[in-house]
Amino acid sequence: MIKIYSTSWCPSCNAAKQLLTSKGMEYEEINIEEIDMSREQLAELTGGMSVPQIVINDTSIGGFDNLMMMNQSGKLEELLNA
């Protein structure tokens, strides 16, 4: 299960969603603006205040840069298959 905490104006959020979609991975997007979630609340949930914040199988992996590194190293597949 993948969750992406995002905003509508965030280019890194869009890039993360495009990467996951290109790999055929489904995700739940949670737009923090639409649900009126503060950055502090986001940090409590994910450990990070910036968007996107990506959570895979209840493990917070951070943002788009971390997603890219995990994808390139093969760790993304490992986490998804765990």
PDB file of N, CA and C in Angstrom:
ATOM      1  N   MET A   1       0.848  -1.181   0.000  1.00  0.00           N
ATOM      2  CA  MET A   1       0.000   0.000   0.000  1.00  0.00           C
ATOM      3  C   MET A   1       0.891   1.240   0.000  1.00  0.00           C
ATOM      4  N   ILE A   2       0.651   2.122  -0.955  1.00  0.00           N
ATOM      5  CA  ILE A   2       1.440   3.343  -1.087  1.00  0.00           C
ATOM      6  C   ILE A   2       0.530   4.546  -0.863  1.00  0.00           C
ATOM      7  N   LYS A   3       0.982   5.461  -0.018  1.00  0.00           N
ATOM      8  CA  LYS A   3       0.284   6.728   0.189  1.00  0.00           C
ATOM      9  C   LYS A   3       1.241   7.856  -0.159  1.00  0.00           C
ATOM     10  N   ILE A   4       0.719   8.843  -0.874  1.00  0.00           N
ATOM     11  CA  ILE A   4       1.501  10.039  -1.188  1.00  0.00           C
ATOM     12  C   ILE A   4       0.759  11.240  -0.627  1.00  0.00           C
ATOM     13  N   TYR A   5       1.392  11.915   0.317  1.00  0.00           N
ATOM     14  CA  TYR A   5       0.857  13.159   0.854  1.00  0.00           C
ATOM     15  C   TYR A   5       1.392  14.269  -0.033  1.00  0.00           C
ATOM     16  N   SER A   6       0.478  15.060  -0.625  1.00  0.00           N
ATOM     17  CA  SER A   6       0.880  16.008  -1.648  1.00  0.00           C
ATOM     18  C   SER A   6       0.106  17.317  -1.538  1.00  0.00           C
ATOM     19  N   THR A   7       0.450  18.239  -2.443  1.00  0.00           N
ATOM     20  CA  THR A   7      -0.348  19.439  -2.691  1.00  0.00           C
ATOM     21  C   THR A   7      -0.575  19.519  -4.191  1.00  0.00           C
ATOM     22  N   SER A   8      -1.522  20.335  -4.607  1.00  0.00           N
ATOM     23  CA  SER A   8      -1.855  20.423  -6.026  1.00  0.00           C
ATOM     24  C   SER A   8      -0.778  21.133  -6.844  1.00  0.00           C
ATOM     25  N   TRP A   9       0.037  21.968  -6.215  1.00  0.00           N
ATOM     26  CA  TRP A   9       1.013  22.795  -6.946  1.00  0.00           C
ATOM     27  C   TRP A   9       2.430  22.220  -6.924  1.00  0.00           C
ATOM     28  N   CYS A  10       2.627  21.032  -6.395  1.00  0.00           N
ATOM     29  CA  CYS A  10       3.971  20.499  -6.130  1.00  0.00           C
ATOM     30  C   CYS A  10       4.521  19.684  -7.306  1.00  0.00           C
ATOM     31  N   PRO A  11       5.574  20.182  -7.993  1.00  0.00           N
ATOM     32  CA  PRO A  11       6.133  19.428  -9.123  1.00  0.00           C
ATOM     33  C   PRO A  11       6.770  18.101  -8.699  1.00  0.00           C
ATOM     34  N   SER A  12       7.365  18.043  -7.531  1.00  0.00           N
ATOM     35  CA  SER A  12       7.954  16.776  -7.066  1.00  0.00           C
ATOM     36  C   SER A  12       6.870  15.746  -6.770  1.00  0.00           C
ATOM     37  N   CYS A  13       5.712  16.205  -6.320  1.00  0.00           N
ATOM     38  CA  CYS A  13       4.583  15.298  -6.093  1.00  0.00           C
ATOM     39  C   CYS A  13       4.158  14.666  -7.415  1.00  0.00           C
ATOM     40  N   ASN A  14       4.042  15.512  -8.442  1.00  0.00           N
ATOM     41  CA  ASN A  14       3.650  15.009  -9.755  1.00  0.00           C
ATOM     42  C   ASN A  14       4.683  14.032 -10.300  1.00  0.00           C
ATOM     43  N   ALA A  15       5.958  14.326 -10.093  1.00  0.00           N
ATOM     44  CA  ALA A  15       7.016  13.434 -10.572  1.00  0.00           C
ATOM     45  C   ALA A  15       6.954  12.088  -9.851  1.00  0.00           C
ATOM     46  N   ALA A  16       6.688  12.104  -8.553  1.00  0.00           N
ATOM     47  CA  ALA A  16       6.581  10.857  -7.785  1.00  0.00           C
ATOM     48  C   ALA A  16       5.410  10.027  -8.290  1.00  0.00           C
ATOM     49  N   LYS A  17       4.272  10.673  -8.526  1.00  0.00           N
ATOM     50  CA  LYS A  17       3.092   9.961  -9.014  1.00  0.00           C
ATOM     51  C   LYS A  17       3.355   9.383 -10.407  1.00  0.00           C
ATOM     52  N   GLN A  18       4.046  10.152 -11.262  1.00  0.00           N
ATOM     53  CA  GLN A  18       4.371   9.665 -12.607  1.00  0.00           C
ATOM     54  C   GLN A  18       5.289   8.452 -12.547  1.00  0.00           C
ATOM     55  N   LEU A  19       6.268   8.479 -11.652  1.00  0.00           N
ATOM     56  CA  LEU A  19       7.184   7.349 -11.517  1.00  0.00           C
ATOM     57  C   LEU A  19       6.423   6.100 -11.094  1.00  0.00           C
ATOM     58  N   LEU A  20       5.591   6.229 -10.086  1.00  0.00           N
ATOM     59  CA  LEU A  20       4.839   5.067  -9.606  1.00  0.00           C
ATOM     60  C   LEU A  20       3.876   4.553 -10.670  1.00  0.00           C
ATOM     61  N   THR A  21       3.208   5.473 -11.358  1.00  0.00           N
ATOM     62  CA  THR A  21       2.280   5.073 -12.422  1.00  0.00           C
ATOM     63  C   THR A  21       3.022   4.362 -13.548  1.00  0.00           C
ATOM     64  N   SER A  22       4.214   4.855 -13.899  1.00  0.00           N
ATOM     65  CA  SER A  22       4.986   4.242 -14.990  1.00  0.00           C
ATOM     66  C   SER A  22       5.439   2.826 -14.636  1.00  0.00           C
ATOM     67  N   LYS A  23       5.523   2.543 -13.343  1.00  0.00           N
ATOM     68  CA  LYS A  23       5.906   1.213 -12.889  1.00  0.00           C
ATOM     69  C   LYS A  23       4.682   0.331 -12.614  1.00  0.00           C
ATOM     70  N   GLY A  24       3.490   0.869 -12.917  1.00  0.00           N
ATOM     71  CA  GLY A  24       2.269   0.104 -12.720  1.00  0.00           C
ATOM     72  C   GLY A  24       1.851  -0.030 -11.269  1.00  0.00           C
ATOM     73  N   MET A  25       2.327   0.876 -10.427  1.00  0.00           N
ATOM     74  CA  MET A  25       2.027   0.812  -8.995  1.00  0.00           C
ATOM     75  C   MET A  25       0.845   1.717  -8.672  1.00  0.00           C
ATOM     76  N   GLU A  26      -0.088   1.199  -7.890  1.00  0.00           N
ATOM     77  CA  GLU A  26      -1.230   1.985  -7.449  1.00  0.00           C
ATOM     78  C   GLU A  26      -0.873   2.680  -6.145  1.00  0.00           C
ATOM     79  N   TYR A  27      -1.466   3.854  -5.938  1.00  0.00           N
ATOM     80  CA  TYR A  27      -1.200   4.614  -4.729  1.00  0.00           C
ATOM     81  C   TYR A  27      -2.448   5.392  -4.342  1.00  0.00           C
ATOM     82  N   GLU A  28      -2.491   5.762  -3.086  1.00  0.00           N
ATOM     83  CA  GLU A  28      -3.537   6.650  -2.590  1.00  0.00           C
ATOM     84  C   GLU A  28      -2.913   8.020  -2.410  1.00  0.00           C
ATOM     85  N   GLU A  29      -3.499   9.016  -3.046  1.00  0.00           N
ATOM     86  CA  GLU A  29      -3.000  10.382  -2.907  1.00  0.00           C
ATOM     87  C   GLU A  29      -3.822  11.112  -1.868  1.00  0.00           C
ATOM     88  N   ILE A  30      -3.157  11.758  -0.939  1.00  0.00           N
ATOM     89  CA  ILE A  30      -3.810  12.550   0.091  1.00  0.00           C
ATOM     90  C   ILE A  30      -3.319  13.985  -0.071  1.00  0.00           C
ATOM     91  N   ASN A  31      -4.191  14.840  -0.586  1.00  0.00           N
ATOM     92  CA  ASN A  31      -3.843  16.235  -0.792  1.00  0.00           C
ATOM     93  C   ASN A  31      -4.022  16.964   0.540  1.00  0.00           C
ATOM     94  N   ILE A  32      -2.913  17.391   1.124  1.00  0.00           N
ATOM     95  CA  ILE A  32      -2.978  17.960   2.471  1.00  0.00           C
ATOM     96  C   ILE A  32      -3.717  19.297   2.493  1.00  0.00           C
ATOM     97  N   GLU A  33      -3.758  19.989   1.356  1.00  0.00           N
ATOM     98  CA  GLU A  33      -4.518  21.244   1.293  1.00  0.00           C
ATOM     99  C   GLU A  33      -6.021  20.964   1.327  1.00  0.00           C
ATOM    100  N   GLU A  34      -6.441  19.953   0.589  1.00  0.00           N
ATOM    101  CA  GLU A  34      -7.869  19.640   0.502  1.00  0.00           C
ATOM    102  C   GLU A  34      -8.434  19.170   1.838  1.00  0.00           C
ATOM    103  N   ILE A  35      -7.611  18.479   2.630  1.00  0.00           N
ATOM    104  CA  ILE A  35      -8.113  17.992   3.925  1.00  0.00           C
ATOM    105  C   ILE A  35      -7.688  18.909   5.071  1.00  0.00           C
ATOM    106  N   ASP A  36      -7.066  20.036   4.718  1.00  0.00           N
ATOM    107  CA  ASP A  36      -6.662  21.048   5.695  1.00  0.00           C
ATOM    108  C   ASP A  36      -5.702  20.482   6.751  1.00  0.00           C
ATOM    109  N   MET A  37      -4.729  19.697   6.281  1.00  0.00           N
ATOM    110  CA  MET A  37      -3.712  19.140   7.174  1.00  0.00           C
ATOM    111  C   MET A  37      -2.539  20.114   7.257  1.00  0.00           C
ATOM    112  N   SER A  38      -2.121  20.427   8.456  1.00  0.00           N
ATOM    113  CA  SER A  38      -0.973  21.328   8.628  1.00  0.00           C
ATOM    114  C   SER A  38       0.327  20.560   8.381  1.00  0.00           C
ATOM    115  N   ARG A  39       1.385  21.312   8.161  1.00  0.00           N
ATOM    116  CA  ARG A  39       2.706  20.685   7.985  1.00  0.00           C
ATOM    117  C   ARG A  39       3.129  19.971   9.273  1.00  0.00           C
ATOM    118  N   GLU A  40       2.720  20.504  10.395  1.00  0.00           N
ATOM    119  CA  GLU A  40       3.041  19.864  11.675  1.00  0.00           C
ATOM    120  C   GLU A  40       2.337  18.505  11.788  1.00  0.00           C
ATOM    121  N   GLN A  41       1.074  18.461  11.370  1.00  0.00           N
ATOM    122  CA  GLN A  41       0.344  17.184  11.385  1.00  0.00           C
ATOM    123  C   GLN A  41       0.982  16.187  10.416  1.00  0.00           C
ATOM    124  N   LEU A  42       1.420  16.689   9.263  1.00  0.00           N
ATOM    125  CA  LEU A  42       2.097  15.837   8.288  1.00  0.00           C
ATOM    126  C   LEU A  42       3.367  15.249   8.895  1.00  0.00           C
ATOM    127  N   ALA A  43       4.129  16.076   9.597  1.00  0.00           N
ATOM    128  CA  ALA A  43       5.371  15.618  10.230  1.00  0.00           C
ATOM    129  C   ALA A  43       5.089  14.573  11.303  1.00  0.00           C
ATOM    130  N   GLU A  44       3.989  14.740  12.033  1.00  0.00           N
ATOM    131  CA  GLU A  44       3.638  13.750  13.050  1.00  0.00           C
ATOM    132  C   GLU A  44       3.358  12.384  12.417  1.00  0.00           C
ATOM    133  N   LEU A  45       2.723  12.403  11.255  1.00  0.00           N
ATOM    134  CA  LEU A  45       2.379  11.153  10.564  1.00  0.00           C
ATOM    135  C   LEU A  45       3.567  10.516   9.847  1.00  0.00           C
ATOM    136  N   THR A  46       4.392  11.368   9.202  1.00  0.00           N
ATOM    137  CA  THR A  46       5.401  10.841   8.275  1.00  0.00           C
ATOM    138  C   THR A  46       6.840  11.127   8.677  1.00  0.00           C
ATOM    139  N   GLY A  47       7.045  12.076   9.583  1.00  0.00           N
ATOM    140  CA  GLY A  47       8.400  12.455   9.948  1.00  0.00           C
ATOM    141  C   GLY A  47       8.953  13.586   9.106  1.00  0.00           C
ATOM    142  N   GLY A  48       8.201  14.045   8.103  1.00  0.00           N
ATOM    143  CA  GLY A  48       8.676  15.123   7.241  1.00  0.00           C
ATOM    144  C   GLY A  48       7.620  16.191   7.062  1.00  0.00           C
ATOM    145  N   MET A  49       8.075  17.436   6.868  1.00  0.00           N
ATOM    146  CA  MET A  49       7.138  18.553   6.713  1.00  0.00           C
ATOM    147  C   MET A  49       6.971  18.979   5.263  1.00  0.00           C
ATOM    148  N   SER A  50       7.820  18.511   4.375  1.00  0.00           N
ATOM    149  CA  SER A  50       7.726  18.908   2.971  1.00  0.00           C
ATOM    150  C   SER A  50       6.881  17.893   2.203  1.00  0.00           C
ATOM    151  N   VAL A  51       6.407  18.305   1.042  1.00  0.00           N
ATOM    152  CA  VAL A  51       5.683  17.380   0.172  1.00  0.00           C
ATOM    153  C   VAL A  51       6.519  17.114  -1.068  1.00  0.00           C
ATOM    154  N   PRO A  52       6.426  15.931  -1.639  1.00  0.00           N
ATOM    155  CA  PRO A  52       5.579  14.846  -1.162  1.00  0.00           C
ATOM    156  C   PRO A  52       6.210  14.122   0.022  1.00  0.00           C
ATOM    157  N   GLN A  53       5.365  13.484   0.788  1.00  0.00           N
ATOM    158  CA  GLN A  53       5.807  12.497   1.765  1.00  0.00           C
ATOM    159  C   GLN A  53       5.194  11.184   1.309  1.00  0.00           C
ATOM    160  N   ILE A  54       6.031  10.166   1.179  1.00  0.00           N
ATOM    161  CA  ILE A  54       5.603   8.893   0.617  1.00  0.00           C
ATOM    162  C   ILE A  54       5.721   7.822   1.689  1.00  0.00           C
ATOM    163  N   VAL A  55       4.644   7.079   1.856  1.00  0.00           N
ATOM    164  CA  VAL A  55       4.595   6.005   2.841  1.00  0.00           C
ATOM    165  C   VAL A  55       4.284   4.711   2.095  1.00  0.00           C
ATOM    166  N   ILE A  56       5.156   3.721   2.251  1.00  0.00           N
ATOM    167  CA  ILE A  56       4.971   2.429   1.596  1.00  0.00           C
ATOM    168  C   ILE A  56       4.898   1.352   2.665  1.00  0.00           C
ATOM    169  N   ASN A  57       3.792   0.614   2.654  1.00  0.00           N
ATOM    170  CA  ASN A  57       3.578  -0.451   3.642  1.00  0.00           C
ATOM    171  C   ASN A  57       3.864   0.036   5.063  1.00  0.00           C
ATOM    172  N   ASP A  58       3.317   1.193   5.399  1.00  0.00           N
ATOM    173  CA  ASP A  58       3.449   1.815   6.723  1.00  0.00           C
ATOM    174  C   ASP A  58       4.866   2.255   7.068  1.00  0.00           C
ATOM    175  N   THR A  59       5.767   2.300   6.070  1.00  0.00           N
ATOM    176  CA  THR A  59       7.128   2.799   6.269  1.00  0.00           C
ATOM    177  C   THR A  59       7.275   4.115   5.522  1.00  0.00           C
ATOM    178  N   SER A  60       7.579   5.184   6.247  1.00  0.00           N
ATOM    179  CA  SER A  60       7.775   6.474   5.616  1.00  0.00           C
ATOM    180  C   SER A  60       9.146   6.500   4.956  1.00  0.00           C
ATOM    181  N   ILE A  61       9.160   6.763   3.643  1.00  0.00           N
ATOM    182  CA  ILE A  61      10.444   6.772   2.933  1.00  0.00           C
ATOM    183  C   ILE A  61      10.929   8.186   2.638  1.00  0.00           C
ATOM    184  N   GLY A  62      10.100   9.198   2.934  1.00  0.00           N
ATOM    185  CA  GLY A  62      10.500  10.573   2.672  1.00  0.00           C
ATOM    186  C   GLY A  62       9.891  11.069   1.378  1.00  0.00           C
ATOM    187  N   GLY A  63      10.650  11.866   0.629  1.00  0.00           N
ATOM    188  CA  GLY A  63      10.131  12.524  -0.563  1.00  0.00           C
ATOM    189  C   GLY A  63      10.557  11.898  -1.867  1.00  0.00           C
ATOM    190  N   PHE A  64      10.422  12.678  -2.935  1.00  0.00           N
ATOM    191  CA  PHE A  64      10.692  12.196  -4.287  1.00  0.00           C
ATOM    192  C   PHE A  64      12.138  11.758  -4.472  1.00  0.00           C
ATOM    193  N   ASP A  65      13.096  12.518  -3.924  1.00  0.00           N
ATOM    194  CA  ASP A  65      14.509  12.136  -4.077  1.00  0.00           C
ATOM    195  C   ASP A  65      14.761  10.743  -3.490  1.00  0.00           C
ATOM    196  N   ASN A  66      14.164  10.484  -2.333  1.00  0.00           N
ATOM    197  CA  ASN A  66      14.336   9.166  -1.707  1.00  0.00           C
ATOM    198  C   ASN A  66      13.675   8.081  -2.550  1.00  0.00           C
ATOM    199  N   LEU A  67      12.502   8.386  -3.110  1.00  0.00           N
ATOM    200  CA  LEU A  67      11.816   7.435  -3.979  1.00  0.00           C
ATOM    201  C   LEU A  67      12.683   7.092  -5.179  1.00  0.00           C
ATOM    202  N   MET A  68      13.301   8.101  -5.792  1.00  0.00           N
ATOM    203  CA  MET A  68      14.179   7.872  -6.953  1.00  0.00           C
ATOM    204  C   MET A  68      15.377   7.007  -6.570  1.00  0.00           C
ATOM    205  N   MET A  69      16.005   7.314  -5.440  1.00  0.00           N
ATOM    206  CA  MET A  69      17.172   6.529  -5.013  1.00  0.00           C
ATOM    207  C   MET A  69      16.768   5.073  -4.749  1.00  0.00           C
ATOM    208  N   MET A  70      15.629   4.885  -4.098  1.00  0.00           N
ATOM    209  CA  MET A  70      15.167   3.525  -3.817  1.00  0.00           C
ATOM    210  C   MET A  70      14.846   2.786  -5.104  1.00  0.00           C
ATOM    211  N   ASN A  71      14.271   3.484  -6.073  1.00  0.00           N
ATOM    212  CA  ASN A  71      13.948   2.868  -7.353  1.00  0.00           C
ATOM    213  C   ASN A  71      15.225   2.440  -8.079  1.00  0.00           C
ATOM    214  N   GLN A  72      16.216   3.314  -8.098  1.00  0.00           N
ATOM    215  CA  GLN A  72      17.458   3.023  -8.814  1.00  0.00           C
ATOM    216  C   GLN A  72      18.265   1.908  -8.157  1.00  0.00           C
ATOM    217  N   SER A  73      18.158   1.791  -6.824  1.00  0.00           N
ATOM    218  CA  SER A  73      18.936   0.775  -6.115  1.00  0.00           C
ATOM    219  C   SER A  73      18.220  -0.575  -6.026  1.00  0.00           C
ATOM    220  N   GLY A  74      16.933  -0.604  -6.418  1.00  0.00           N
ATOM    221  CA  GLY A  74      16.163  -1.839  -6.307  1.00  0.00           C
ATOM    222  C   GLY A  74      15.462  -1.995  -4.964  1.00  0.00           C
ATOM    223  N   LYS A  75      15.706  -1.075  -4.038  1.00  0.00           N
ATOM    224  CA  LYS A  75      15.090  -1.189  -2.713  1.00  0.00           C
ATOM    225  C   LYS A  75      13.593  -0.901  -2.734  1.00  0.00           C
ATOM    226  N   LEU A  76      13.132  -0.144  -3.739  1.00  0.00           N
ATOM    227  CA  LEU A  76      11.710   0.124  -3.859  1.00  0.00           C
ATOM    228  C   LEU A  76      10.955  -1.193  -4.087  1.00  0.00           C
ATOM    229  N   GLU A  77      11.441  -2.003  -4.996  1.00  0.00           N
ATOM    230  CA  GLU A  77      10.807  -3.303  -5.263  1.00  0.00           C
ATOM    231  C   GLU A  77      10.819  -4.172  -4.019  1.00  0.00           C
ATOM    232  N   GLU A  78      11.936  -4.166  -3.313  1.00  0.00           N
ATOM    233  CA  GLU A  78      12.043  -4.986  -2.090  1.00  0.00           C
ATOM    234  C   GLU A  78      11.000  -4.563  -1.068  1.00  0.00           C
ATOM    235  N   LEU A  79      10.848  -3.249  -0.864  1.00  0.00           N
ATOM    236  CA  LEU A  79       9.896  -2.769   0.124  1.00  0.00           C
ATOM    237  C   LEU A  79       8.469  -3.099  -0.290  1.00  0.00           C
ATOM    238  N   LEU A  80       8.180  -2.966  -1.573  1.00  0.00           N
ATOM    239  CA  LEU A  80       6.830  -3.254  -2.053  1.00  0.00           C
ATOM    240  C   LEU A  80       6.503  -4.734  -1.950  1.00  0.00           C
ATOM    241  N   ASN A  81       7.499  -5.579  -2.083  1.00  0.00           N
ATOM    242  CA  ASN A  81       7.275  -7.024  -2.037  1.00  0.00           C
ATOM    243  C   ASN A  81       7.389  -7.604  -0.633  1.00  0.00           C
ATOM    244  N   ALA A  82       7.715  -6.765   0.341  1.00  0.00           N
ATOM    245  CA  ALA A  82       7.890  -7.244   1.713  1.00  0.00           C
ATOM    246  C   ALA A  82       6.553  -7.592   2.348  1.00  0.00           C
TER     247      ALA A  82
END
